[in-house]
Amino acid sequence: YADAILYSKLLLLSIIFITPYVLLLNVSIYQSMIEGYIKIKPSMDIIKIFLFIILIPKFQIYGIIIAVVLNDVILFVILFIWFIKTNKKFLIESSV
């Protein structure tokens, strides 16, 4: 039971990155930009499988937790970069 509490606390780290990810995804869907996301999504799944293959044999249950959290971080970064590159109107230009 005590171990489950630790595992749960570590998995909660992914919420930090899931929340902005869902926000960006919903904005993209609202703006009808979902086609680009559909092209990116398979690579995200491949990254997750790759992380599982690498980390589970090395760290067992902690490998699963690290893979899930790291996947969420990578997922957010990829989506954020894609969103910024495809959505120029959110960039703030200086008027100096």
Protein backbone atom coordinates (compact mmCIF):
# COMPACT_ATOMS: atom_id res chain seq x y z
CA TYR A 1 0.00 0.00 0.00
CA ALA A 2 2.77 2.44 0.86
CA ASP A 3 4.44 1.81 -2.49
CA ALA A 4 1.19 2.55 -4.32
CA ILE A 5 1.07 6.00 -2.74
CA LEU A 6 4.58 6.76 -3.97
CA TYR A 7 3.73 5.51 -7.48
CA SER A 8 0.60 7.64 -7.54
CA LYS A 9 2.49 10.74 -6.48
CA LEU A 10 5.05 10.20 -9.21
CA LEU A 11 2.34 9.68 -11.83
CA LEU A 12 0.72 12.94 -10.77
CA LEU A 13 3.69 14.74 -12.33
CA SER A 14 2.21 14.03 -15.73
CA ILE A 15 -0.82 16.21 -14.91
CA ILE A 16 1.47 19.24 -15.11
CA PHE A 17 1.94 18.56 -18.82
CA ILE A 18 -1.39 16.93 -19.67
CA THR A 19 -3.41 20.05 -18.79
CA PRO A 20 -1.72 22.47 -21.25
CA TYR A 21 -1.56 19.66 -23.82
CA VAL A 22 -5.34 19.24 -23.69
CA LEU A 23 -5.79 23.02 -23.86
CA LEU A 24 -3.64 23.31 -26.99
CA LEU A 25 -5.34 20.31 -28.54
CA ASN A 26 -8.80 21.79 -27.95
CA VAL A 27 -7.75 25.15 -29.41
CA SER A 28 -6.39 23.33 -32.45
CA ILE A 29 -9.62 21.41 -32.87
CA TYR A 30 -11.61 24.63 -32.53
CA GLN A 31 -9.50 26.26 -35.23
CA SER A 32 -9.93 23.24 -37.53
CA MET A 33 -6.22 22.43 -37.42
CA ILE A 34 -6.71 18.80 -36.40
CA GLU A 35 -5.25 17.42 -39.65
CA GLY A 36 -1.73 18.32 -38.58
CA TYR A 37 -2.26 16.72 -35.20
CA ILE A 38 -3.46 13.53 -36.85
CA LYS A 39 -0.15 13.43 -38.75
CA ILE A 40 1.87 13.96 -35.54
CA LYS A 41 -0.03 11.48 -33.33
CA PRO A 42 1.48 8.20 -34.68
CA SER A 43 4.99 9.42 -33.95
CA MET A 44 3.93 10.17 -30.38
CA ASP A 45 2.71 6.60 -29.95
CA ILE A 46 5.98 5.27 -31.35
CA ILE A 47 7.91 7.39 -28.84
CA LYS A 48 5.80 5.95 -26.00
CA ILE A 49 6.43 2.37 -27.12
CA PHE A 50 10.14 3.10 -27.49
CA LEU A 51 10.30 4.55 -23.96
CA PHE A 52 8.52 1.48 -22.57
CA ILE A 53 10.92 -0.87 -24.36
CA ILE A 54 13.96 1.00 -23.06
CA LEU A 55 12.88 1.88 -19.50
CA ILE A 56 10.78 -1.06 -18.27
CA PRO A 57 13.55 -3.69 -18.33
CA LYS A 58 15.94 -1.29 -16.65
CA PHE A 59 13.74 0.21 -13.92
CA GLN A 60 10.68 -2.13 -13.66
CA ILE A 61 7.67 -0.26 -12.23
CA TYR A 62 9.62 2.98 -12.02
CA GLY A 63 10.42 2.55 -15.71
CA ILE A 64 6.72 2.56 -16.48
CA ILE A 65 6.22 5.71 -14.42
CA ILE A 66 9.23 7.45 -15.97
CA ALA A 67 8.08 6.45 -19.46
CA VAL A 68 4.56 7.79 -18.91
CA VAL A 69 5.74 11.10 -17.44
CA LEU A 70 8.50 11.54 -20.01
CA ASN A 71 6.06 10.73 -22.80
CA ASP A 72 3.68 13.41 -21.54
CA VAL A 73 6.51 15.95 -21.45
CA ILE A 74 7.61 15.08 -24.99
CA LEU A 75 3.99 15.08 -26.16
CA PHE A 76 3.44 18.57 -24.78
CA VAL A 77 6.69 19.93 -26.25
CA ILE A 78 5.96 18.51 -29.71
CA LEU A 79 2.40 19.82 -29.70
CA PHE A 80 3.51 23.23 -28.39
CA ILE A 81 6.18 23.62 -31.08
CA TRP A 82 3.74 22.48 -33.78
CA PHE A 83 1.07 24.85 -32.48
CA ILE A 84 3.43 27.85 -32.45
CA LYS A 85 4.75 27.09 -35.94
CA THR A 86 1.32 26.65 -37.48
CA ASN A 87 -0.46 29.42 -35.62
CA LYS A 88 1.40 32.66 -36.26
CA LYS A 89 -1.35 34.92 -34.95
CA PHE A 90 -0.51 34.01 -31.34
CA LEU A 91 3.03 35.32 -31.65
CA ILE A 92 3.45 38.76 -30.08
CA GLU A 93 5.40 41.23 -32.16
CA SER A 94 7.09 44.22 -30.61
CA SER A 95 6.09 47.61 -31.96
CA VAL A 96 9.36 49.35 -31.19
